[in-house]
Structures are given as structure tokens and as C-alpha cells.
Amino acid sequence: MTTSDLDQVDQLIEAGDFDGARSALTSVPQDLVEGKVLRAKLGLYDGTLPPGPAMQRLIQIMRQHPDAPRVKELYQEASNRAYQSRQSSVSHSHPPPPSEDGTEGSK
């Protein structure tokens, strides 16, 4: 697998062609660092890998291969997605106020 092939997989992910990217990744060795990063990106983009676990996976990769291509940028993106997904609304984070009869919620 060449750098050009990996770039094509990355482009498929960016374009939203997750099935095409998944198919192309089957020919990438499981232990290839660039493949690990692209698999994490695919999972993050297609929703099968939530941002938190994606960040953990990317941290493991960065510890072993600090100069791995794409990993730092993808970590930043996963971090941003994790932050955005934790945005809460007051209506969702607090129970409704008690009603006039003293029970929670409205009728």
C-alpha cells in the first residue's frame, strides 16, 4: 500500500464514501500505523467510533509513533467533536421544576 493509496482512502472518507473507504482498508495491513489512523478516522466520521474512544485510540498511536501522518490533526478533530457532543441544554441537564401540587414535571 503506497502513500498515494492511503491518500485515496482518506479522500473517500472525506467525501463520505464510507463503504468505499471500508472496502479499500481491507487491503491495508492491520498493523500499519497509517491504516490504524485511517480506520479511526473512518469510525469517527461514520459514527461507529465515538469521539472519546477515538481519542484514546489516537493517543495510543501517538505514544508509539509520535510522527505518524494525520494522527495529530485527527486527534484535534476528535477532541472538537467530543467537546461539541457534550454541549448540553438546561432543559436536558436539569429535571423540570416541581408542579403546583409538589410533584416533578408538568401535566
PDB file of N, CA and C in Angstrom:
ATOM      1  N   MET A   1       0.865  -1.180   0.000  1.00  0.00           N
ATOM      2  CA  MET A   1       0.000   0.000   0.000  1.00  0.00           C
ATOM      3  C   MET A   1       0.897   1.223   0.000  1.00  0.00           C
ATOM      4  N   THR A   2       0.692   2.084  -0.969  1.00  0.00           N
ATOM      5  CA  THR A   2       1.518   3.287  -1.103  1.00  0.00           C
ATOM      6  C   THR A   2       0.862   4.471  -0.407  1.00  0.00           C
ATOM      7  N   THR A   3       1.641   5.532  -0.249  1.00  0.00           N
ATOM      8  CA  THR A   3       1.107   6.759   0.329  1.00  0.00           C
ATOM      9  C   THR A   3      -0.050   7.283  -0.520  1.00  0.00           C
ATOM     10  N   SER A   4       0.069   7.140  -1.823  1.00  0.00           N
ATOM     11  CA  SER A   4      -0.997   7.572  -2.729  1.00  0.00           C
ATOM     12  C   SER A   4      -2.284   6.783  -2.480  1.00  0.00           C
ATOM     13  N   ASP A   5      -2.153   5.480  -2.241  1.00  0.00           N
ATOM     14  CA  ASP A   5      -3.326   4.654  -1.939  1.00  0.00           C
ATOM     15  C   ASP A   5      -3.988   5.102  -0.633  1.00  0.00           C
ATOM     16  N   LEU A   6      -3.161   5.394   0.362  1.00  0.00           N
ATOM     17  CA  LEU A   6      -3.686   5.855   1.651  1.00  0.00           C
ATOM     18  C   LEU A   6      -4.364   7.217   1.505  1.00  0.00           C
ATOM     19  N   ASP A   7      -3.786   8.073   0.671  1.00  0.00           N
ATOM     20  CA  ASP A   7      -4.401   9.380   0.410  1.00  0.00           C
ATOM     21  C   ASP A   7      -5.768   9.206  -0.247  1.00  0.00           C
ATOM     22  N   GLN A   8      -5.891   8.216  -1.125  1.00  0.00           N
ATOM     23  CA  GLN A   8      -7.173   7.962  -1.780  1.00  0.00           C
ATOM     24  C   GLN A   8      -8.215   7.486  -0.765  1.00  0.00           C
ATOM     25  N   VAL A   9      -7.801   6.644   0.174  1.00  0.00           N
ATOM     26  CA  VAL A   9      -8.723   6.195   1.220  1.00  0.00           C
ATOM     27  C   VAL A   9      -9.173   7.394   2.045  1.00  0.00           C
ATOM     28  N   ASP A  10      -8.225   8.262   2.374  1.00  0.00           N
ATOM     29  CA  ASP A  10      -8.547   9.466   3.143  1.00  0.00           C
ATOM     30  C   ASP A  10      -9.549  10.330   2.375  1.00  0.00           C
ATOM     31  N   GLN A  11      -9.360  10.461   1.088  1.00  0.00           N
ATOM     32  CA  GLN A  11     -10.284  11.251   0.267  1.00  0.00           C
ATOM     33  C   GLN A  11     -11.676  10.623   0.240  1.00  0.00           C
ATOM     34  N   LEU A  12     -11.742   9.301   0.210  1.00  0.00           N
ATOM     35  CA  LEU A  12     -13.046   8.629   0.247  1.00  0.00           C
ATOM     36  C   LEU A  12     -13.772   8.944   1.560  1.00  0.00           C
ATOM     37  N   ILE A  13     -13.024   8.912   2.661  1.00  0.00           N
ATOM     38  CA  ILE A  13     -13.627   9.223   3.964  1.00  0.00           C
ATOM     39  C   ILE A  13     -14.117  10.666   3.980  1.00  0.00           C
ATOM     40  N   GLU A  14     -13.268  11.578   3.520  1.00  0.00           N
ATOM     41  CA  GLU A  14     -13.635  12.997   3.489  1.00  0.00           C
ATOM     42  C   GLU A  14     -14.872  13.239   2.626  1.00  0.00           C
ATOM     43  N   ALA A  15     -15.007  12.454   1.552  1.00  0.00           N
ATOM     44  CA  ALA A  15     -16.147  12.617   0.640  1.00  0.00           C
ATOM     45  C   ALA A  15     -17.403  11.932   1.160  1.00  0.00           C
ATOM     46  N   GLY A  16     -17.274  11.185   2.253  1.00  0.00           N
ATOM     47  CA  GLY A  16     -18.442  10.497   2.800  1.00  0.00           C
ATOM     48  C   GLY A  16     -18.704   9.142   2.187  1.00  0.00           C
ATOM     49  N   ASP A  17     -17.764   8.635   1.391  1.00  0.00           N
ATOM     50  CA  ASP A  17     -17.905   7.308   0.799  1.00  0.00           C
ATOM     51  C   ASP A  17     -17.333   6.280   1.773  1.00  0.00           C
ATOM     52  N   PHE A  18     -18.073   6.038   2.850  1.00  0.00           N
ATOM     53  CA  PHE A  18     -17.580   5.174   3.913  1.00  0.00           C
ATOM     54  C   PHE A  18     -17.469   3.721   3.472  1.00  0.00           C
ATOM     55  N   ASP A  19     -18.399   3.258   2.647  1.00  0.00           N
ATOM     56  CA  ASP A  19     -18.318   1.885   2.156  1.00  0.00           C
ATOM     57  C   ASP A  19     -17.094   1.697   1.268  1.00  0.00           C
ATOM     58  N   GLY A  20     -16.830   2.675   0.412  1.00  0.00           N
ATOM     59  CA  GLY A  20     -15.646   2.609  -0.449  1.00  0.00           C
ATOM     60  C   GLY A  20     -14.362   2.625   0.374  1.00  0.00           C
ATOM     61  N   ALA A  21     -14.327   3.469   1.392  1.00  0.00           N
ATOM     62  CA  ALA A  21     -13.149   3.538   2.256  1.00  0.00           C
ATOM     63  C   ALA A  21     -12.974   2.238   3.029  1.00  0.00           C
ATOM     64  N   ARG A  22     -14.071   1.711   3.547  1.00  0.00           N
ATOM     65  CA  ARG A  22     -14.021   0.454   4.299  1.00  0.00           C
ATOM     66  C   ARG A  22     -13.497  -0.671   3.402  1.00  0.00           C
ATOM     67  N   SER A  23     -13.975  -0.708   2.186  1.00  0.00           N
ATOM     68  CA  SER A  23     -13.525  -1.728   1.236  1.00  0.00           C
ATOM     69  C   SER A  23     -12.031  -1.568   0.940  1.00  0.00           C
ATOM     70  N   ALA A  24     -11.592  -0.348   0.719  1.00  0.00           N
ATOM     71  CA  ALA A  24     -10.181  -0.103   0.416  1.00  0.00           C
ATOM     72  C   ALA A  24      -9.292  -0.444   1.610  1.00  0.00           C
ATOM     73  N   LEU A  25      -9.791  -0.240   2.816  1.00  0.00           N
ATOM     74  CA  LEU A  25      -8.997  -0.522   4.014  1.00  0.00           C
ATOM     75  C   LEU A  25      -8.799  -2.023   4.246  1.00  0.00           C
ATOM     76  N   THR A  26      -9.588  -2.858   3.598  1.00  0.00           N
ATOM     77  CA  THR A  26      -9.403  -4.306   3.785  1.00  0.00           C
ATOM     78  C   THR A  26      -8.047  -4.764   3.256  1.00  0.00           C
ATOM     79  N   SER A  27      -7.470  -4.015   2.318  1.00  0.00           N
ATOM     80  CA  SER A  27      -6.162  -4.388   1.781  1.00  0.00           C
ATOM     81  C   SER A  27      -5.008  -3.754   2.552  1.00  0.00           C
ATOM     82  N   VAL A  28      -5.316  -2.961   3.569  1.00  0.00           N
ATOM     83  CA  VAL A  28      -4.281  -2.326   4.379  1.00  0.00           C
ATOM     84  C   VAL A  28      -3.985  -3.224   5.586  1.00  0.00           C
ATOM     85  N   PRO A  29      -2.715  -3.588   5.781  1.00  0.00           N
ATOM     86  CA  PRO A  29      -2.378  -4.432   6.923  1.00  0.00           C
ATOM     87  C   PRO A  29      -2.848  -3.817   8.254  1.00  0.00           C
ATOM     88  N   GLN A  30      -3.357  -4.661   9.146  1.00  0.00           N
ATOM     89  CA  GLN A  30      -3.888  -4.202  10.432  1.00  0.00           C
ATOM     90  C   GLN A  30      -2.834  -3.479  11.267  1.00  0.00           C
ATOM     91  N   ASP A  31      -1.570  -3.857  11.114  1.00  0.00           N
ATOM     92  CA  ASP A  31      -0.530  -3.268  11.950  1.00  0.00           C
ATOM     93  C   ASP A  31       0.133  -2.037  11.330  1.00  0.00           C
ATOM     94  N   LEU A  32      -0.286  -1.640  10.150  1.00  0.00           N
ATOM     95  CA  LEU A  32       0.257  -0.446   9.509  1.00  0.00           C
ATOM     96  C   LEU A  32      -0.282   0.797  10.225  1.00  0.00           C
ATOM     97  N   VAL A  33       0.609   1.636  10.708  1.00  0.00           N
ATOM     98  CA  VAL A  33       0.210   2.803  11.505  1.00  0.00           C
ATOM     99  C   VAL A  33      -0.764   3.698  10.743  1.00  0.00           C
ATOM    100  N   GLU A  34      -0.456   3.993   9.497  1.00  0.00           N
ATOM    101  CA  GLU A  34      -1.326   4.862   8.704  1.00  0.00           C
ATOM    102  C   GLU A  34      -2.719   4.248   8.561  1.00  0.00           C
ATOM    103  N   GLY A  35      -2.778   2.919   8.462  1.00  0.00           N
ATOM    104  CA  GLY A  35      -4.064   2.231   8.376  1.00  0.00           C
ATOM    105  C   GLY A  35      -4.840   2.352   9.670  1.00  0.00           C
ATOM    106  N   LYS A  36      -4.145   2.270  10.804  1.00  0.00           N
ATOM    107  CA  LYS A  36      -4.809   2.425  12.100  1.00  0.00           C
ATOM    108  C   LYS A  36      -5.434   3.811  12.218  1.00  0.00           C
ATOM    109  N   VAL A  37      -4.700   4.816  11.759  1.00  0.00           N
ATOM    110  CA  VAL A  37      -5.214   6.190  11.816  1.00  0.00           C
ATOM    111  C   VAL A  37      -6.433   6.327  10.908  1.00  0.00           C
ATOM    112  N   LEU A  38      -6.354   5.780   9.711  1.00  0.00           N
ATOM    113  CA  LEU A  38      -7.485   5.880   8.786  1.00  0.00           C
ATOM    114  C   LEU A  38      -8.697   5.097   9.280  1.00  0.00           C
ATOM    115  N   ARG A  39      -8.469   3.965   9.929  1.00  0.00           N
ATOM    116  CA  ARG A  39      -9.598   3.209  10.497  1.00  0.00           C
ATOM    117  C   ARG A  39     -10.272   4.022  11.611  1.00  0.00           C
ATOM    118  N   ALA A  40      -9.463   4.687  12.415  1.00  0.00           N
ATOM    119  CA  ALA A  40     -10.032   5.534  13.464  1.00  0.00           C
ATOM    120  C   ALA A  40     -10.815   6.696  12.844  1.00  0.00           C
ATOM    121  N   LYS A  41     -10.278   7.265  11.784  1.00  0.00           N
ATOM    122  CA  LYS A  41     -10.968   8.371  11.112  1.00  0.00           C
ATOM    123  C   LYS A  41     -12.291   7.899  10.521  1.00  0.00           C
ATOM    124  N   LEU A  42     -12.266   6.736   9.890  1.00  0.00           N
ATOM    125  CA  LEU A  42     -13.493   6.194   9.317  1.00  0.00           C
ATOM    126  C   LEU A  42     -14.536   5.987  10.408  1.00  0.00           C
ATOM    127  N   GLY A  43     -14.131   5.395  11.516  1.00  0.00           N
ATOM    128  CA  GLY A  43     -15.065   5.180  12.627  1.00  0.00           C
ATOM    129  C   GLY A  43     -15.610   6.479  13.186  1.00  0.00           C
ATOM    130  N   LEU A  44     -14.743   7.476  13.301  1.00  0.00           N
ATOM    131  CA  LEU A  44     -15.181   8.778  13.807  1.00  0.00           C
ATOM    132  C   LEU A  44     -16.179   9.421  12.847  1.00  0.00           C
ATOM    133  N   TYR A  45     -15.876   9.368  11.564  1.00  0.00           N
ATOM    134  CA  TYR A  45     -16.731  10.006  10.571  1.00  0.00           C
ATOM    135  C   TYR A  45     -18.046   9.268  10.348  1.00  0.00           C
ATOM    136  N   ASP A  46     -18.015   7.925  10.369  1.00  0.00           N
ATOM    137  CA  ASP A  46     -19.264   7.204  10.104  1.00  0.00           C
ATOM    138  C   ASP A  46     -20.077   6.961  11.373  1.00  0.00           C
ATOM    139  N   GLY A  47     -19.543   7.365  12.518  1.00  0.00           N
ATOM    140  CA  GLY A  47     -20.291   7.294  13.765  1.00  0.00           C
ATOM    141  C   GLY A  47     -20.157   5.983  14.513  1.00  0.00           C
ATOM    142  N   THR A  48     -19.343   5.052  14.005  1.00  0.00           N
ATOM    143  CA  THR A  48     -19.187   3.776  14.695  1.00  0.00           C
ATOM    144  C   THR A  48     -18.162   3.848  15.822  1.00  0.00           C
ATOM    145  N   LEU A  49     -17.380   4.916  15.871  1.00  0.00           N
ATOM    146  CA  LEU A  49     -16.387   5.113  16.923  1.00  0.00           C
ATOM    147  C   LEU A  49     -16.616   6.498  17.521  1.00  0.00           C
ATOM    148  N   PRO A  50     -17.191   6.573  18.716  1.00  0.00           N
ATOM    149  CA  PRO A  50     -17.440   7.871  19.344  1.00  0.00           C
ATOM    150  C   PRO A  50     -16.129   8.633  19.562  1.00  0.00           C
ATOM    151  N   PRO A  51     -16.217   9.954  19.694  1.00  0.00           N
ATOM    152  CA  PRO A  51     -15.009  10.769  19.827  1.00  0.00           C
ATOM    153  C   PRO A  51     -14.087  10.365  20.984  1.00  0.00           C
ATOM    154  N   GLY A  52     -14.634  10.036  22.143  1.00  0.00           N
ATOM    155  CA  GLY A  52     -13.792   9.676  23.286  1.00  0.00           C
ATOM    156  C   GLY A  52     -12.925   8.459  23.020  1.00  0.00           C
ATOM    157  N   PRO A  53     -13.525   7.342  22.620  1.00  0.00           N
ATOM    158  CA  PRO A  53     -12.706   6.178  22.275  1.00  0.00           C
ATOM    159  C   PRO A  53     -11.757   6.436  21.094  1.00  0.00           C
ATOM    160  N   ALA A  54     -12.170   7.261  20.154  1.00  0.00           N
ATOM    161  CA  ALA A  54     -11.281   7.605  19.034  1.00  0.00           C
ATOM    162  C   ALA A  54     -10.052   8.331  19.565  1.00  0.00           C
ATOM    163  N   MET A  55     -10.262   9.259  20.491  1.00  0.00           N
ATOM    164  CA  MET A  55      -9.137   9.990  21.078  1.00  0.00           C
ATOM    165  C   MET A  55      -8.198   9.030  21.809  1.00  0.00           C
ATOM    166  N   GLN A  56      -8.758   8.087  22.554  1.00  0.00           N
ATOM    167  CA  GLN A  56      -7.926   7.118  23.270  1.00  0.00           C
ATOM    168  C   GLN A  56      -7.095   6.288  22.298  1.00  0.00           C
ATOM    169  N   ARG A  57      -7.713   5.859  21.214  1.00  0.00           N
ATOM    170  CA  ARG A  57      -7.002   5.073  20.209  1.00  0.00           C
ATOM    171  C   ARG A  57      -5.882   5.901  19.581  1.00  0.00           C
ATOM    172  N   LEU A  58      -6.179   7.163  19.297  1.00  0.00           N
ATOM    173  CA  LEU A  58      -5.176   8.024  18.678  1.00  0.00           C
ATOM    174  C   LEU A  58      -4.028   8.338  19.637  1.00  0.00           C
ATOM    175  N   ILE A  59      -4.330   8.469  20.919  1.00  0.00           N
ATOM    176  CA  ILE A  59      -3.273   8.688  21.912  1.00  0.00           C
ATOM    177  C   ILE A  59      -2.326   7.498  21.930  1.00  0.00           C
ATOM    178  N   GLN A  60      -2.874   6.292  21.876  1.00  0.00           N
ATOM    179  CA  GLN A  60      -2.031   5.089  21.841  1.00  0.00           C
ATOM    180  C   GLN A  60      -1.112   5.112  20.621  1.00  0.00           C
ATOM    181  N   ILE A  61      -1.669   5.508  19.489  1.00  0.00           N
ATOM    182  CA  ILE A  61      -0.867   5.576  18.264  1.00  0.00           C
ATOM    183  C   ILE A  61       0.228   6.631  18.414  1.00  0.00           C
ATOM    184  N   MET A  62      -0.131   7.807  18.942  1.00  0.00           N
ATOM    185  CA  MET A  62       0.849   8.889  19.085  1.00  0.00           C
ATOM    186  C   MET A  62       1.969   8.521  20.058  1.00  0.00           C
ATOM    187  N   ARG A  63       1.655   7.751  21.095  1.00  0.00           N
ATOM    188  CA  ARG A  63       2.696   7.331  22.037  1.00  0.00           C
ATOM    189  C   ARG A  63       3.718   6.423  21.359  1.00  0.00           C
ATOM    190  N   GLN A  64       3.234   5.557  20.510  1.00  0.00           N
ATOM    191  CA  GLN A  64       4.133   4.621  19.832  1.00  0.00           C
ATOM    192  C   GLN A  64       4.792   5.224  18.590  1.00  0.00           C
ATOM    193  N   HIS A  65       4.065   6.133  17.927  1.00  0.00           N
ATOM    194  CA  HIS A  65       4.538   6.712  16.668  1.00  0.00           C
ATOM    195  C   HIS A  65       4.215   8.208  16.658  1.00  0.00           C
ATOM    196  N   PRO A  66       5.013   9.013  17.377  1.00  0.00           N
ATOM    197  CA  PRO A  66       4.689  10.442  17.509  1.00  0.00           C
ATOM    198  C   PRO A  66       4.626  11.206  16.191  1.00  0.00           C
ATOM    199  N   ASP A  67       5.296  10.708  15.167  1.00  0.00           N
ATOM    200  CA  ASP A  67       5.312  11.421  13.889  1.00  0.00           C
ATOM    201  C   ASP A  67       4.400  10.790  12.839  1.00  0.00           C
ATOM    202  N   ALA A  68       3.452   9.976  13.287  1.00  0.00           N
ATOM    203  CA  ALA A  68       2.552   9.318  12.335  1.00  0.00           C
ATOM    204  C   ALA A  68       1.748  10.357  11.558  1.00  0.00           C
ATOM    205  N   PRO A  69       1.652  10.170  10.255  1.00  0.00           N
ATOM    206  CA  PRO A  69       0.879  11.122   9.441  1.00  0.00           C
ATOM    207  C   PRO A  69      -0.595  11.145   9.848  1.00  0.00           C
ATOM    208  N   ARG A  70      -1.173  12.324   9.819  1.00  0.00           N
ATOM    209  CA  ARG A  70      -2.609  12.562  10.030  1.00  0.00           C
ATOM    210  C   ARG A  70      -3.082  12.403  11.480  1.00  0.00           C
ATOM    211  N   VAL A  71      -2.274  11.815  12.347  1.00  0.00           N
ATOM    212  CA  VAL A  71      -2.780  11.467  13.675  1.00  0.00           C
ATOM    213  C   VAL A  71      -3.064  12.694  14.536  1.00  0.00           C
ATOM    214  N   LYS A  72      -2.196  13.690  14.522  1.00  0.00           N
ATOM    215  CA  LYS A  72      -2.410  14.865  15.381  1.00  0.00           C
ATOM    216  C   LYS A  72      -3.620  15.668  14.927  1.00  0.00           C
ATOM    217  N   GLU A  73      -3.779  15.807  13.628  1.00  0.00           N
ATOM    218  CA  GLU A  73      -4.935  16.547  13.104  1.00  0.00           C
ATOM    219  C   GLU A  73      -6.235  15.816  13.436  1.00  0.00           C
ATOM    220  N   LEU A  74      -6.207  14.493  13.305  1.00  0.00           N
ATOM    221  CA  LEU A  74      -7.407  13.719  13.602  1.00  0.00           C
ATOM    222  C   LEU A  74      -7.715  13.758  15.096  1.00  0.00           C
ATOM    223  N   TYR A  75      -6.685  13.744  15.929  1.00  0.00           N
ATOM    224  CA  TYR A  75      -6.900  13.853  17.372  1.00  0.00           C
ATOM    225  C   TYR A  75      -7.590  15.186  17.692  1.00  0.00           C
ATOM    226  N   GLN A  76      -7.135  16.263  17.081  1.00  0.00           N
ATOM    227  CA  GLN A  76      -7.743  17.582  17.307  1.00  0.00           C
ATOM    228  C   GLN A  76      -9.203  17.573  16.866  1.00  0.00           C
ATOM    229  N   GLU A  77      -9.477  16.952  15.741  1.00  0.00           N
ATOM    230  CA  GLU A  77     -10.855  16.882  15.256  1.00  0.00           C
ATOM    231  C   GLU A  77     -11.726  16.053  16.203  1.00  0.00           C
ATOM    232  N   ALA A  78     -11.199  14.934  16.668  1.00  0.00           N
ATOM    233  CA  ALA A  78     -11.952  14.102  17.618  1.00  0.00           C
ATOM    234  C   ALA A  78     -12.206  14.869  18.907  1.00  0.00           C
ATOM    235  N   SER A  79     -11.217  15.620  19.347  1.00  0.00           N
ATOM    236  CA  SER A  79     -11.370  16.435  20.558  1.00  0.00           C
ATOM    237  C   SER A  79     -12.464  17.479  20.374  1.00  0.00           C
ATOM    238  N   ASN A  80     -12.476  18.126  19.231  1.00  0.00           N
ATOM    239  CA  ASN A  80     -13.525  19.116  18.949  1.00  0.00           C
ATOM    240  C   ASN A  80     -14.905  18.473  18.913  1.00  0.00           C
ATOM    241  N   ARG A  81     -14.991  17.302  18.302  1.00  0.00           N
ATOM    242  CA  ARG A  81     -16.281  16.603  18.244  1.00  0.00           C
ATOM    243  C   ARG A  81     -16.741  16.184  19.640  1.00  0.00           C
ATOM    244  N   ALA A  82     -15.802  15.753  20.471  1.00  0.00           N
ATOM    245  CA  ALA A  82     -16.151  15.366  21.839  1.00  0.00           C
ATOM    246  C   ALA A  82     -16.692  16.576  22.594  1.00  0.00           C
ATOM    247  N   TYR A  83     -16.044  17.702  22.428  1.00  0.00           N
ATOM    248  CA  TYR A  83     -16.499  18.924  23.092  1.00  0.00           C
ATOM    249  C   TYR A  83     -17.891  19.307  22.610  1.00  0.00           C
ATOM    250  N   GLN A  84     -18.102  19.274  21.313  1.00  0.00           N
ATOM    251  CA  GLN A  84     -19.396  19.657  20.757  1.00  0.00           C
ATOM    252  C   GLN A  84     -20.504  18.717  21.209  1.00  0.00           C
ATOM    253  N   SER A  85     -20.207  17.447  21.327  1.00  0.00           N
ATOM    254  CA  SER A  85     -21.247  16.496  21.712  1.00  0.00           C
ATOM    255  C   SER A  85     -21.619  16.617  23.182  1.00  0.00           C
ATOM    256  N   ARG A  86     -20.779  17.258  23.957  1.00  0.00           N
ATOM    257  CA  ARG A  86     -21.073  17.427  25.386  1.00  0.00           C
ATOM    258  C   ARG A  86     -21.800  18.727  25.683  1.00  0.00           C
ATOM    259  N   GLN A  87     -22.098  19.483  24.659  1.00  0.00           N
ATOM    260  CA  GLN A  87     -22.868  20.701  24.878  1.00  0.00           C
ATOM    261  C   GLN A  87     -24.245  20.309  25.369  1.00  0.00           C
ATOM    262  N   SER A  88     -24.637  20.874  26.455  1.00  0.00           N
ATOM    263  CA  SER A  88     -25.934  20.487  26.998  1.00  0.00           C
ATOM    264  C   SER A  88     -26.865  21.685  27.044  1.00  0.00           C
ATOM    265  N   SER A  89     -28.086  21.367  27.036  1.00  0.00           N
ATOM    266  CA  SER A  89     -29.130  22.366  27.165  1.00  0.00           C
ATOM    267  C   SER A  89     -29.669  22.271  28.583  1.00  0.00           C
ATOM    268  N   VAL A  90     -30.024  23.385  29.163  1.00  0.00           N
ATOM    269  CA  VAL A  90     -30.562  23.379  30.519  1.00  0.00           C
ATOM    270  C   VAL A  90     -31.772  22.465  30.606  1.00  0.00           C
ATOM    271  N   SER A  91     -32.560  22.421  29.570  1.00  0.00           N
ATOM    272  CA  SER A  91     -33.765  21.584  29.603  1.00  0.00           C
ATOM    273  C   SER A  91     -33.424  20.103  29.646  1.00  0.00           C
ATOM    274  N   HIS A  92     -32.237  19.732  29.183  1.00  0.00           N
ATOM    275  CA  HIS A  92     -31.850  18.326  29.203  1.00  0.00           C
ATOM    276  C   HIS A  92     -31.005  17.951  30.411  1.00  0.00           C
ATOM    277  N   SER A  93     -30.380  18.932  31.052  1.00  0.00           N
ATOM    278  CA  SER A  93     -29.461  18.598  32.130  1.00  0.00           C
ATOM    279  C   SER A  93     -30.072  18.766  33.518  1.00  0.00           C
ATOM    280  N   HIS A  94     -31.242  19.311  33.605  1.00  0.00           N
ATOM    281  CA  HIS A  94     -31.887  19.514  34.895  1.00  0.00           C
ATOM    282  C   HIS A  94     -33.311  18.981  34.850  1.00  0.00           C
ATOM    283  N   PRO A  95     -33.777  18.425  35.953  1.00  0.00           N
ATOM    284  CA  PRO A  95     -35.175  17.981  35.959  1.00  0.00           C
ATOM    285  C   PRO A  95     -36.096  19.188  35.887  1.00  0.00           C
ATOM    286  N   PRO A  96     -37.295  19.001  35.402  1.00  0.00           N
ATOM    287  CA  PRO A  96     -38.238  20.124  35.344  1.00  0.00           C
ATOM    288  C   PRO A  96     -38.590  20.566  36.767  1.00  0.00           C
ATOM    289  N   PRO A  97     -38.981  21.814  36.929  1.00  0.00           N
ATOM    290  CA  PRO A  97     -39.347  22.291  38.263  1.00  0.00           C
ATOM    291  C   PRO A  97     -40.606  21.581  38.759  1.00  0.00           C
ATOM    292  N   PRO A  98     -40.774  21.540  40.074  1.00  0.00           N
ATOM    293  CA  PRO A  98     -41.982  20.903  40.621  1.00  0.00           C
ATOM    294  C   PRO A  98     -43.241  21.627  40.149  1.00  0.00           C
ATOM    295  N   SER A  99     -44.286  20.860  39.957  1.00  0.00           N
ATOM    296  CA  SER A  99     -45.564  21.468  39.590  1.00  0.00           C
ATOM    297  C   SER A  99     -46.221  22.023  40.861  1.00  0.00           C
ATOM    298  N   GLU A 100     -47.344  22.634  40.692  1.00  0.00           N
ATOM    299  CA  GLU A 100     -48.016  23.260  41.830  1.00  0.00           C
ATOM    300  C   GLU A 100     -48.403  22.254  42.904  1.00  0.00           C
ATOM    301  N   ASP A 101     -48.641  20.997  42.519  1.00  0.00           N
ATOM    302  CA  ASP A 101     -49.032  20.003  43.520  1.00  0.00           C
ATOM    303  C   ASP A 101     -47.822  19.352  44.209  1.00  0.00           C
ATOM    304  N   GLY A 102     -46.598  19.824  43.866  1.00  0.00           N
ATOM    305  CA  GLY A 102     -45.392  19.343  44.532  1.00  0.00           C
ATOM    306  C   GLY A 102     -44.690  18.196  43.842  1.00  0.00           C
ATOM    307  N   THR A 103     -45.258  17.666  42.758  1.00  0.00           N
ATOM    308  CA  THR A 103     -44.584  16.593  42.045  1.00  0.00           C
ATOM    309  C   THR A 103     -43.725  17.198  40.942  1.00  0.00           C
ATOM    310  N   GLU A 104     -42.735  16.427  40.518  1.00  0.00           N
ATOM    311  CA  GLU A 104     -41.858  16.930  39.446  1.00  0.00           C
ATOM    312  C   GLU A 104     -42.585  16.895  38.111  1.00  0.00           C
ATOM    313  N   GLY A 105     -42.226  17.843  37.275  1.00  0.00           N
ATOM    314  CA  GLY A 105     -42.742  17.847  35.909  1.00  0.00           C
ATOM    315  C   GLY A 105     -44.083  18.519  35.792  1.00  0.00           C
ATOM    316  N   SER A 106     -44.517  18.655  34.577  1.00  0.00           N
ATOM    317  CA  SER A 106     -45.825  19.256  34.323  1.00  0.00           C
ATOM    318  C   SER A 106     -46.772  18.210  33.802  1.00  0.00           C
ATOM    319  N   LYS A 107     -48.023  18.485  33.896  1.00  0.00           N
ATOM    320  CA  LYS A 107     -49.044  17.527  33.454  1.00  0.00           C
ATOM    321  C   LYS A 107     -49.685  17.988  32.187  1.00  0.00           C
TER     322      LYS A 107
END
